Amino acid sequence: MKNKEVIKIEGKVCKGEFSKARGLMFSRKKTLIFEFKEEIKVSLHMFFVFFPINVYFLNKNKEVVEIKEKFNPFTIYFPKNKAKYIVECPNKLNVKIKDKVDW
């Protein structure tokens, strides 16, 4: 088995319910990393986020399982996969499905 390179990202980790619910609403452009207790499907909304973002869904091993690019303001997204971590980012990360990331 080949060792995969781990892609490092920088962002604010959000574990609390309030910070996860608030996300980037009324906020400036920054990267947020949401951590959940277990892998779950989490629908996302862009209400009161005034710029498009990219969203990366990661499993418990921090591997990318789904990507939503150009998630536009005032829209909703229902992911197809469960995730333990969700990364919301105003810019595009150089990652693809099955890549491993860390922070």
PDB file of N, CA and C in Angstrom:
ATOM      1  N   MET A   1       0.840  -1.192   0.000  1.00  0.00           N
ATOM      2  CA  MET A   1       0.000   0.000   0.000  1.00  0.00           C
ATOM      3  C   MET A   1       0.881   1.249   0.000  1.00  0.00           C
ATOM      4  N   LYS A   2       0.579   2.178  -0.860  1.00  0.00           N
ATOM      5  CA  LYS A   2       1.336   3.423  -0.962  1.00  0.00           C
ATOM      6  C   LYS A   2       0.897   4.406   0.112  1.00  0.00           C
ATOM      7  N   ASN A   3       1.865   5.148   0.664  1.00  0.00           N
ATOM      8  CA  ASN A   3       1.517   6.216   1.592  1.00  0.00           C
ATOM      9  C   ASN A   3       1.075   7.423   0.787  1.00  0.00           C
ATOM     10  N   LYS A   4      -0.069   7.955   1.140  1.00  0.00           N
ATOM     11  CA  LYS A   4      -0.562   9.150   0.459  1.00  0.00           C
ATOM     12  C   LYS A   4      -0.010  10.388   1.140  1.00  0.00           C
ATOM     13  N   GLU A   5       0.280  11.381   0.341  1.00  0.00           N
ATOM     14  CA  GLU A   5       0.704  12.662   0.878  1.00  0.00           C
ATOM     15  C   GLU A   5      -0.491  13.328   1.548  1.00  0.00           C
ATOM     16  N   VAL A   6      -0.251  13.917   2.708  1.00  0.00           N
ATOM     17  CA  VAL A   6      -1.300  14.635   3.425  1.00  0.00           C
ATOM     18  C   VAL A   6      -1.217  16.103   3.037  1.00  0.00           C
ATOM     19  N   ILE A   7      -2.339  16.658   2.614  1.00  0.00           N
ATOM     20  CA  ILE A   7      -2.398  18.055   2.197  1.00  0.00           C
ATOM     21  C   ILE A   7      -2.785  18.900   3.403  1.00  0.00           C
ATOM     22  N   LYS A   8      -1.935  19.852   3.750  1.00  0.00           N
ATOM     23  CA  LYS A   8      -2.178  20.716   4.914  1.00  0.00           C
ATOM     24  C   LYS A   8      -3.048  21.906   4.522  1.00  0.00           C
ATOM     25  N   ILE A   9      -4.029  22.204   5.378  1.00  0.00           N
ATOM     26  CA  ILE A   9      -4.856  23.398   5.188  1.00  0.00           C
ATOM     27  C   ILE A   9      -4.854  24.194   6.485  1.00  0.00           C
ATOM     28  N   GLU A  10      -5.145  25.473   6.377  1.00  0.00           N
ATOM     29  CA  GLU A  10      -5.249  26.337   7.550  1.00  0.00           C
ATOM     30  C   GLU A  10      -6.670  26.847   7.652  1.00  0.00           C
ATOM     31  N   GLY A  11      -7.196  26.869   8.866  1.00  0.00           N
ATOM     32  CA  GLY A  11      -8.536  27.377   9.077  1.00  0.00           C
ATOM     33  C   GLY A  11      -8.907  27.321  10.542  1.00  0.00           C
ATOM     34  N   LYS A  12     -10.026  27.912  10.858  1.00  0.00           N
ATOM     35  CA  LYS A  12     -10.537  27.919  12.225  1.00  0.00           C
ATOM     36  C   LYS A  12     -11.392  26.677  12.431  1.00  0.00           C
ATOM     37  N   VAL A  13     -11.061  25.874  13.450  1.00  0.00           N
ATOM     38  CA  VAL A  13     -11.823  24.664  13.757  1.00  0.00           C
ATOM     39  C   VAL A  13     -13.030  25.043  14.606  1.00  0.00           C
ATOM     40  N   CYS A  14     -14.211  24.589  14.188  1.00  0.00           N
ATOM     41  CA  CYS A  14     -15.467  24.868  14.889  1.00  0.00           C
ATOM     42  C   CYS A  14     -16.040  23.552  15.404  1.00  0.00           C
ATOM     43  N   LYS A  15     -16.078  23.412  16.740  1.00  0.00           N
ATOM     44  CA  LYS A  15     -16.619  22.195  17.343  1.00  0.00           C
ATOM     45  C   LYS A  15     -17.945  22.452  18.040  1.00  0.00           C
ATOM     46  N   GLY A  16     -18.155  23.673  18.512  1.00  0.00           N
ATOM     47  CA  GLY A  16     -19.370  24.012  19.245  1.00  0.00           C
ATOM     48  C   GLY A  16     -20.579  24.134  18.335  1.00  0.00           C
ATOM     49  N   GLU A  17     -21.743  23.865  18.883  1.00  0.00           N
ATOM     50  CA  GLU A  17     -22.982  23.917  18.097  1.00  0.00           C
ATOM     51  C   GLU A  17     -23.251  25.316  17.553  1.00  0.00           C
ATOM     52  N   PHE A  18     -22.996  26.356  18.352  1.00  0.00           N
ATOM     53  CA  PHE A  18     -23.253  27.722  17.890  1.00  0.00           C
ATOM     54  C   PHE A  18     -22.334  28.091  16.729  1.00  0.00           C
ATOM     55  N   SER A  19     -21.047  27.792  16.870  1.00  0.00           N
ATOM     56  CA  SER A  19     -20.112  28.154  15.795  1.00  0.00           C
ATOM     57  C   SER A  19     -20.399  27.367  14.526  1.00  0.00           C
ATOM     58  N   LYS A  20     -20.851  26.114  14.655  1.00  0.00           N
ATOM     59  CA  LYS A  20     -21.201  25.330  13.468  1.00  0.00           C
ATOM     60  C   LYS A  20     -22.472  25.871  12.822  1.00  0.00           C
ATOM     61  N   ALA A  21     -23.444  26.276  13.627  1.00  0.00           N
ATOM     62  CA  ALA A  21     -24.699  26.813  13.079  1.00  0.00           C
ATOM     63  C   ALA A  21     -24.467  28.163  12.404  1.00  0.00           C
ATOM     64  N   ARG A  22     -23.607  28.984  12.984  1.00  0.00           N
ATOM     65  CA  ARG A  22     -23.347  30.313  12.430  1.00  0.00           C
ATOM     66  C   ARG A  22     -22.507  30.236  11.161  1.00  0.00           C
ATOM     67  N   GLY A  23     -21.485  29.399  11.165  1.00  0.00           N
ATOM     68  CA  GLY A  23     -20.633  29.260   9.984  1.00  0.00           C
ATOM     69  C   GLY A  23     -20.104  30.594   9.504  1.00  0.00           C
ATOM     70  N   LEU A  24     -20.287  30.879   8.231  1.00  0.00           N
ATOM     71  CA  LEU A  24     -19.790  32.121   7.640  1.00  0.00           C
ATOM     72  C   LEU A  24     -20.864  33.202   7.509  1.00  0.00           C
ATOM     73  N   MET A  25     -22.020  33.017   8.161  1.00  0.00           N
ATOM     74  CA  MET A  25     -23.075  34.039   8.076  1.00  0.00           C
ATOM     75  C   MET A  25     -22.547  35.373   8.598  1.00  0.00           C
ATOM     76  N   PHE A  26     -22.788  36.427   7.843  1.00  0.00           N
ATOM     77  CA  PHE A  26     -22.382  37.791   8.203  1.00  0.00           C
ATOM     78  C   PHE A  26     -20.887  37.874   8.503  1.00  0.00           C
ATOM     79  N   SER A  27     -20.090  37.062   7.850  1.00  0.00           N
ATOM     80  CA  SER A  27     -18.678  36.959   8.175  1.00  0.00           C
ATOM     81  C   SER A  27     -17.811  37.367   6.993  1.00  0.00           C
ATOM     82  N   ARG A  28     -16.540  37.574   7.280  1.00  0.00           N
ATOM     83  CA  ARG A  28     -15.593  37.848   6.209  1.00  0.00           C
ATOM     84  C   ARG A  28     -15.113  36.522   5.630  1.00  0.00           C
ATOM     85  N   LYS A  29     -14.440  36.613   4.525  1.00  0.00           N
ATOM     86  CA  LYS A  29     -13.957  35.408   3.849  1.00  0.00           C
ATOM     87  C   LYS A  29     -12.823  34.767   4.654  1.00  0.00           C
ATOM     88  N   LYS A  30     -13.062  33.546   5.118  1.00  0.00           N
ATOM     89  CA  LYS A  30     -12.043  32.783   5.839  1.00  0.00           C
ATOM     90  C   LYS A  30     -12.396  31.306   5.733  1.00  0.00           C
ATOM     91  N   THR A  31     -11.455  30.449   6.052  1.00  0.00           N
ATOM     92  CA  THR A  31     -11.685  29.009   5.999  1.00  0.00           C
ATOM     93  C   THR A  31     -12.138  28.514   7.363  1.00  0.00           C
ATOM     94  N   LEU A  32     -13.233  27.760   7.370  1.00  0.00           N
ATOM     95  CA  LEU A  32     -13.743  27.149   8.595  1.00  0.00           C
ATOM     96  C   LEU A  32     -13.725  25.638   8.441  1.00  0.00           C
ATOM     97  N   ILE A  33     -13.389  24.950   9.537  1.00  0.00           N
ATOM     98  CA  ILE A  33     -13.366  23.488   9.567  1.00  0.00           C
ATOM     99  C   ILE A  33     -14.342  23.046  10.652  1.00  0.00           C
ATOM    100  N   PHE A  34     -15.409  22.373  10.249  1.00  0.00           N
ATOM    101  CA  PHE A  34     -16.427  21.915  11.194  1.00  0.00           C
ATOM    102  C   PHE A  34     -16.157  20.463  11.559  1.00  0.00           C
ATOM    103  N   GLU A  35     -16.162  20.178  12.861  1.00  0.00           N
ATOM    104  CA  GLU A  35     -15.934  18.810  13.334  1.00  0.00           C
ATOM    105  C   GLU A  35     -17.199  18.301  14.020  1.00  0.00           C
ATOM    106  N   PHE A  36     -17.622  17.104  13.641  1.00  0.00           N
ATOM    107  CA  PHE A  36     -18.808  16.477  14.218  1.00  0.00           C
ATOM    108  C   PHE A  36     -18.387  15.241  15.015  1.00  0.00           C
ATOM    109  N   LYS A  37     -19.252  14.783  15.918  1.00  0.00           N
ATOM    110  CA  LYS A  37     -18.929  13.638  16.774  1.00  0.00           C
ATOM    111  C   LYS A  37     -18.792  12.348  15.985  1.00  0.00           C
ATOM    112  N   GLU A  38     -19.528  12.251  14.890  1.00  0.00           N
ATOM    113  CA  GLU A  38     -19.489  11.053  14.053  1.00  0.00           C
ATOM    114  C   GLU A  38     -19.780  11.448  12.618  1.00  0.00           C
ATOM    115  N   GLU A  39     -19.635  10.513  11.707  1.00  0.00           N
ATOM    116  CA  GLU A  39     -19.945  10.780  10.307  1.00  0.00           C
ATOM    117  C   GLU A  39     -21.458  10.869  10.131  1.00  0.00           C
ATOM    118  N   ILE A  40     -21.923  12.001   9.608  1.00  0.00           N
ATOM    119  CA  ILE A  40     -23.351  12.236   9.388  1.00  0.00           C
ATOM    120  C   ILE A  40     -23.532  13.019   8.090  1.00  0.00           C
ATOM    121  N   LYS A  41     -24.757  13.006   7.582  1.00  0.00           N
ATOM    122  CA  LYS A  41     -25.092  13.870   6.446  1.00  0.00           C
ATOM    123  C   LYS A  41     -25.583  15.193   7.009  1.00  0.00           C
ATOM    124  N   VAL A  42     -24.962  16.269   6.588  1.00  0.00           N
ATOM    125  CA  VAL A  42     -25.315  17.599   7.078  1.00  0.00           C
ATOM    126  C   VAL A  42     -25.681  18.468   5.886  1.00  0.00           C
ATOM    127  N   SER A  43     -26.938  18.909   5.826  1.00  0.00           N
ATOM    128  CA  SER A  43     -27.322  19.841   4.762  1.00  0.00           C
ATOM    129  C   SER A  43     -26.802  21.228   5.131  1.00  0.00           C
ATOM    130  N   LEU A  44     -26.430  21.980   4.124  1.00  0.00           N
ATOM    131  CA  LEU A  44     -25.849  23.305   4.337  1.00  0.00           C
ATOM    132  C   LEU A  44     -26.677  24.370   3.645  1.00  0.00           C
ATOM    133  N   HIS A  45     -26.682  25.564   4.227  1.00  0.00           N
ATOM    134  CA  HIS A  45     -27.343  26.695   3.575  1.00  0.00           C
ATOM    135  C   HIS A  45     -26.374  27.865   3.515  1.00  0.00           C
ATOM    136  N   MET A  46     -26.654  28.750   2.578  1.00  0.00           N
ATOM    137  CA  MET A  46     -25.809  29.932   2.385  1.00  0.00           C
ATOM    138  C   MET A  46     -26.586  31.219   2.663  1.00  0.00           C
ATOM    139  N   PHE A  47     -27.545  31.148   3.588  1.00  0.00           N
ATOM    140  CA  PHE A  47     -28.302  32.340   3.943  1.00  0.00           C
ATOM    141  C   PHE A  47     -27.383  33.305   4.680  1.00  0.00           C
ATOM    142  N   PHE A  48     -27.367  34.539   4.251  1.00  0.00           N
ATOM    143  CA  PHE A  48     -26.572  35.605   4.846  1.00  0.00           C
ATOM    144  C   PHE A  48     -25.068  35.386   4.702  1.00  0.00           C
ATOM    145  N   VAL A  49     -24.673  34.589   3.727  1.00  0.00           N
ATOM    146  CA  VAL A  49     -23.274  34.500   3.301  1.00  0.00           C
ATOM    147  C   VAL A  49     -23.271  35.142   1.919  1.00  0.00           C
ATOM    148  N   PHE A  50     -22.521  36.204   1.760  1.00  0.00           N
ATOM    149  CA  PHE A  50     -22.654  37.052   0.578  1.00  0.00           C
ATOM    150  C   PHE A  50     -21.586  36.814  -0.497  1.00  0.00           C
ATOM    151  N   PHE A  51     -20.931  35.678  -0.449  1.00  0.00           N
ATOM    152  CA  PHE A  51     -19.909  35.337  -1.439  1.00  0.00           C
ATOM    153  C   PHE A  51     -19.923  33.821  -1.635  1.00  0.00           C
ATOM    154  N   PRO A  52     -19.585  33.338  -2.833  1.00  0.00           N
ATOM    155  CA  PRO A  52     -19.563  31.884  -3.061  1.00  0.00           C
ATOM    156  C   PRO A  52     -18.378  31.233  -2.343  1.00  0.00           C
ATOM    157  N   ILE A  53     -18.559  29.979  -1.951  1.00  0.00           N
ATOM    158  CA  ILE A  53     -17.493  29.228  -1.289  1.00  0.00           C
ATOM    159  C   ILE A  53     -17.380  27.843  -1.922  1.00  0.00           C
ATOM    160  N   ASN A  54     -16.336  27.149  -1.551  1.00  0.00           N
ATOM    161  CA  ASN A  54     -16.156  25.747  -1.904  1.00  0.00           C
ATOM    162  C   ASN A  54     -16.260  24.950  -0.612  1.00  0.00           C
ATOM    163  N   VAL A  55     -16.885  23.782  -0.693  1.00  0.00           N
ATOM    164  CA  VAL A  55     -17.101  22.963   0.498  1.00  0.00           C
ATOM    165  C   VAL A  55     -16.514  21.579   0.248  1.00  0.00           C
ATOM    166  N   TYR A  56     -15.778  21.092   1.243  1.00  0.00           N
ATOM    167  CA  TYR A  56     -15.121  19.791   1.157  1.00  0.00           C
ATOM    168  C   TYR A  56     -15.617  18.932   2.314  1.00  0.00           C
ATOM    169  N   PHE A  57     -16.130  17.759   2.002  1.00  0.00           N
ATOM    170  CA  PHE A  57     -16.656  16.828   2.991  1.00  0.00           C
ATOM    171  C   PHE A  57     -15.613  15.732   3.206  1.00  0.00           C
ATOM    172  N   LEU A  58     -15.230  15.504   4.474  1.00  0.00           N
ATOM    173  CA  LEU A  58     -14.179  14.550   4.808  1.00  0.00           C
ATOM    174  C   LEU A  58     -14.724  13.454   5.713  1.00  0.00           C
ATOM    175  N   ASN A  59     -14.233  12.240   5.539  1.00  0.00           N
ATOM    176  CA  ASN A  59     -14.642  11.149   6.417  1.00  0.00           C
ATOM    177  C   ASN A  59     -13.823  11.175   7.707  1.00  0.00           C
ATOM    178  N   LYS A  60     -13.994  10.159   8.553  1.00  0.00           N
ATOM    179  CA  LYS A  60     -13.301  10.127   9.847  1.00  0.00           C
ATOM    180  C   LYS A  60     -11.786  10.040   9.700  1.00  0.00           C
ATOM    181  N   ASN A  61     -11.306   9.593   8.533  1.00  0.00           N
ATOM    182  CA  ASN A  61      -9.870   9.517   8.265  1.00  0.00           C
ATOM    183  C   ASN A  61      -9.332  10.783   7.602  1.00  0.00           C
ATOM    184  N   LYS A  62     -10.167  11.800   7.525  1.00  0.00           N
ATOM    185  CA  LYS A  62      -9.839  13.089   6.911  1.00  0.00           C
ATOM    186  C   LYS A  62      -9.540  12.957   5.418  1.00  0.00           C
ATOM    187  N   GLU A  63     -10.239  12.034   4.773  1.00  0.00           N
ATOM    188  CA  GLU A  63     -10.145  11.862   3.327  1.00  0.00           C
ATOM    189  C   GLU A  63     -11.345  12.533   2.674  1.00  0.00           C
ATOM    190  N   VAL A  64     -11.119  13.216   1.577  1.00  0.00           N
ATOM    191  CA  VAL A  64     -12.186  13.916   0.866  1.00  0.00           C
ATOM    192  C   VAL A  64     -13.133  12.889   0.244  1.00  0.00           C
ATOM    193  N   VAL A  65     -14.426  13.003   0.596  1.00  0.00           N
ATOM    194  CA  VAL A  65     -15.435  12.086   0.049  1.00  0.00           C
ATOM    195  C   VAL A  65     -16.417  12.797  -0.877  1.00  0.00           C
ATOM    196  N   GLU A  66     -16.445  14.140  -0.809  1.00  0.00           N
ATOM    197  CA  GLU A  66     -17.358  14.907  -1.669  1.00  0.00           C
ATOM    198  C   GLU A  66     -16.876  16.349  -1.731  1.00  0.00           C
ATOM    199  N   ILE A  67     -17.095  16.984  -2.868  1.00  0.00           N
ATOM    200  CA  ILE A  67     -16.712  18.389  -3.064  1.00  0.00           C
ATOM    201  C   ILE A  67     -17.885  19.135  -3.680  1.00  0.00           C
ATOM    202  N   LYS A  68     -18.211  20.285  -3.104  1.00  0.00           N
ATOM    203  CA  LYS A  68     -19.214  21.185  -3.683  1.00  0.00           C
ATOM    204  C   LYS A  68     -18.495  22.495  -3.995  1.00  0.00           C
ATOM    205  N   GLU A  69     -18.246  22.730  -5.285  1.00  0.00           N
ATOM    206  CA  GLU A  69     -17.582  23.963  -5.696  1.00  0.00           C
ATOM    207  C   GLU A  69     -18.614  25.026  -6.036  1.00  0.00           C
ATOM    208  N   LYS A  70     -18.228  26.272  -5.841  1.00  0.00           N
ATOM    209  CA  LYS A  70     -19.082  27.422  -6.170  1.00  0.00           C
ATOM    210  C   LYS A  70     -20.462  27.309  -5.529  1.00  0.00           C
ATOM    211  N   PHE A  71     -20.468  27.103  -4.218  1.00  0.00           N
ATOM    212  CA  PHE A  71     -21.708  27.078  -3.437  1.00  0.00           C
ATOM    213  C   PHE A  71     -22.136  28.535  -3.293  1.00  0.00           C
ATOM    214  N   ASN A  72     -23.175  28.900  -4.003  1.00  0.00           N
ATOM    215  CA  ASN A  72     -23.570  30.303  -4.136  1.00  0.00           C
ATOM    216  C   ASN A  72     -24.413  30.814  -2.973  1.00  0.00           C
ATOM    217  N   PRO A  73     -24.362  32.141  -2.736  1.00  0.00           N
ATOM    218  CA  PRO A  73     -25.168  32.743  -1.676  1.00  0.00           C
ATOM    219  C   PRO A  73     -26.656  32.423  -1.823  1.00  0.00           C
ATOM    220  N   PHE A  74     -27.302  32.289  -0.684  1.00  0.00           N
ATOM    221  CA  PHE A  74     -28.749  32.083  -0.576  1.00  0.00           C
ATOM    222  C   PHE A  74     -29.231  30.817  -1.286  1.00  0.00           C
ATOM    223  N   THR A  75     -28.412  29.761  -1.230  1.00  0.00           N
ATOM    224  CA  THR A  75     -28.806  28.456  -1.759  1.00  0.00           C
ATOM    225  C   THR A  75     -28.638  27.397  -0.671  1.00  0.00           C
ATOM    226  N   ILE A  76     -29.134  26.195  -0.943  1.00  0.00           N
ATOM    227  CA  ILE A  76     -29.061  25.065  -0.013  1.00  0.00           C
ATOM    228  C   ILE A  76     -28.382  23.909  -0.734  1.00  0.00           C
ATOM    229  N   TYR A  77     -27.632  23.098   0.017  1.00  0.00           N
ATOM    230  CA  TYR A  77     -26.978  21.921  -0.566  1.00  0.00           C
ATOM    231  C   TYR A  77     -27.207  20.709   0.325  1.00  0.00           C
ATOM    232  N   PHE A  78     -27.592  19.613  -0.298  1.00  0.00           N
ATOM    233  CA  PHE A  78     -27.798  18.347   0.392  1.00  0.00           C
ATOM    234  C   PHE A  78     -26.719  17.368  -0.083  1.00  0.00           C
ATOM    235  N   PRO A  79     -25.737  17.062   0.759  1.00  0.00           N
ATOM    236  CA  PRO A  79     -24.651  16.179   0.323  1.00  0.00           C
ATOM    237  C   PRO A  79     -25.129  14.745   0.100  1.00  0.00           C
ATOM    238  N   LYS A  80     -24.399  14.033  -0.719  1.00  0.00           N
ATOM    239  CA  LYS A  80     -24.706  12.631  -1.003  1.00  0.00           C
ATOM    240  C   LYS A  80     -24.025  11.700  -0.004  1.00  0.00           C
ATOM    241  N   ASN A  81     -22.963  12.181   0.633  1.00  0.00           N
ATOM    242  CA  ASN A  81     -22.147  11.355   1.522  1.00  0.00           C
ATOM    243  C   ASN A  81     -22.147  11.874   2.954  1.00  0.00           C
ATOM    244  N   LYS A  82     -21.891  10.966   3.882  1.00  0.00           N
ATOM    245  CA  LYS A  82     -21.707  11.347   5.280  1.00  0.00           C
ATOM    246  C   LYS A  82     -20.310  11.938   5.449  1.00  0.00           C
ATOM    247  N   ALA A  83     -20.166  12.802   6.451  1.00  0.00           N
ATOM    248  CA  ALA A  83     -18.864  13.416   6.731  1.00  0.00           C
ATOM    249  C   ALA A  83     -18.696  13.625   8.231  1.00  0.00           C
ATOM    250  N   LYS A  84     -17.468  13.510   8.698  1.00  0.00           N
ATOM    251  CA  LYS A  84     -17.137  13.853  10.084  1.00  0.00           C
ATOM    252  C   LYS A  84     -16.595  15.276  10.150  1.00  0.00           C
ATOM    253  N   TYR A  85     -16.002  15.723   9.039  1.00  0.00           N
ATOM    254  CA  TYR A  85     -15.454  17.076   8.950  1.00  0.00           C
ATOM    255  C   TYR A  85     -15.974  17.735   7.678  1.00  0.00           C
ATOM    256  N   ILE A  86     -16.266  19.033   7.779  1.00  0.00           N
ATOM    257  CA  ILE A  86     -16.650  19.815   6.610  1.00  0.00           C
ATOM    258  C   ILE A  86     -15.773  21.060   6.590  1.00  0.00           C
ATOM    259  N   VAL A  87     -15.152  21.312   5.454  1.00  0.00           N
ATOM    260  CA  VAL A  87     -14.295  22.489   5.295  1.00  0.00           C
ATOM    261  C   VAL A  87     -15.003  23.460   4.359  1.00  0.00           C
ATOM    262  N   GLU A  88     -15.272  24.670   4.850  1.00  0.00           N
ATOM    263  CA  GLU A  88     -15.847  25.740   4.029  1.00  0.00           C
ATOM    264  C   GLU A  88     -14.723  26.721   3.728  1.00  0.00           C
ATOM    265  N   CYS A  89     -14.532  26.996   2.452  1.00  0.00           N
ATOM    266  CA  CYS A  89     -13.363  27.759   2.036  1.00  0.00           C
ATOM    267  C   CYS A  89     -13.735  28.753   0.935  1.00  0.00           C
ATOM    268  N   PRO A  90     -13.345  30.033   1.059  1.00  0.00           N
ATOM    269  CA  PRO A  90     -13.669  31.002   0.014  1.00  0.00           C
ATOM    270  C   PRO A  90     -12.866  30.788  -1.268  1.00  0.00           C
ATOM    271  N   ASN A  91     -11.744  30.092  -1.167  1.00  0.00           N
ATOM    272  CA  ASN A  91     -10.949  29.812  -2.364  1.00  0.00           C
ATOM    273  C   ASN A  91     -10.917  28.307  -2.616  1.00  0.00           C
ATOM    274  N   LYS A  92     -10.505  27.926  -3.803  1.00  0.00           N
ATOM    275  CA  LYS A  92     -10.468  26.512  -4.173  1.00  0.00           C
ATOM    276  C   LYS A  92      -9.203  25.866  -3.616  1.00  0.00           C
ATOM    277  N   LEU A  93      -9.370  24.738  -2.936  1.00  0.00           N
ATOM    278  CA  LEU A  93      -8.222  23.984  -2.445  1.00  0.00           C
ATOM    279  C   LEU A  93      -7.748  23.031  -3.537  1.00  0.00           C
ATOM    280  N   ASN A  94      -6.487  22.743  -3.532  1.00  0.00           N
ATOM    281  CA  ASN A  94      -5.918  21.828  -4.523  1.00  0.00           C
ATOM    282  C   ASN A  94      -6.065  20.384  -4.025  1.00  0.00           C
ATOM    283  N   VAL A  95      -7.318  19.940  -3.884  1.00  0.00           N
ATOM    284  CA  VAL A  95      -7.609  18.580  -3.426  1.00  0.00           C
ATOM    285  C   VAL A  95      -8.648  17.951  -4.343  1.00  0.00           C
ATOM    286  N   LYS A  96      -8.669  16.628  -4.311  1.00  0.00           N
ATOM    287  CA  LYS A  96      -9.663  15.885  -5.083  1.00  0.00           C
ATOM    288  C   LYS A  96     -10.194  14.743  -4.217  1.00  0.00           C
ATOM    289  N   ILE A  97     -11.208  14.058  -4.695  1.00  0.00           N
ATOM    290  CA  ILE A  97     -11.794  12.940  -3.970  1.00  0.00           C
ATOM    291  C   ILE A  97     -10.694  11.929  -3.629  1.00  0.00           C
ATOM    292  N   LYS A  98     -10.737  11.426  -2.399  1.00  0.00           N
ATOM    293  CA  LYS A  98      -9.803  10.442  -1.824  1.00  0.00           C
ATOM    294  C   LYS A  98      -8.502  11.053  -1.316  1.00  0.00           C
ATOM    295  N   ASP A  99      -8.261  12.360  -1.557  1.00  0.00           N
ATOM    296  CA  ASP A  99      -7.081  13.001  -0.972  1.00  0.00           C
ATOM    297  C   ASP A  99      -7.255  13.081   0.536  1.00  0.00           C
ATOM    298  N   LYS A 100      -6.139  13.018   1.250  1.00  0.00           N
ATOM    299  CA  LYS A 100      -6.154  13.131   2.705  1.00  0.00           C
ATOM    300  C   LYS A 100      -5.669  14.527   3.079  1.00  0.00           C
ATOM    301  N   VAL A 101      -6.378  15.172   4.014  1.00  0.00           N
ATOM    302  CA  VAL A 101      -5.997  16.516   4.449  1.00  0.00           C
ATOM    303  C   VAL A 101      -5.849  16.554   5.967  1.00  0.00           C
ATOM    304  N   ASP A 102      -5.165  17.563   6.452  1.00  0.00           N
ATOM    305  CA  ASP A 102      -5.016  17.778   7.890  1.00  0.00           C
ATOM    306  C   ASP A 102      -4.821  19.270   8.120  1.00  0.00           C
ATOM    307  N   TRP A 103      -4.876  19.673   9.375  1.00  0.00           N
ATOM    308  CA  TRP A 103      -4.726  21.079   9.739  1.00  0.00           C
ATOM    309  C   TRP A 103      -3.943  21.184  11.017  1.00  0.00           C
TER     310      TRP A 103
END
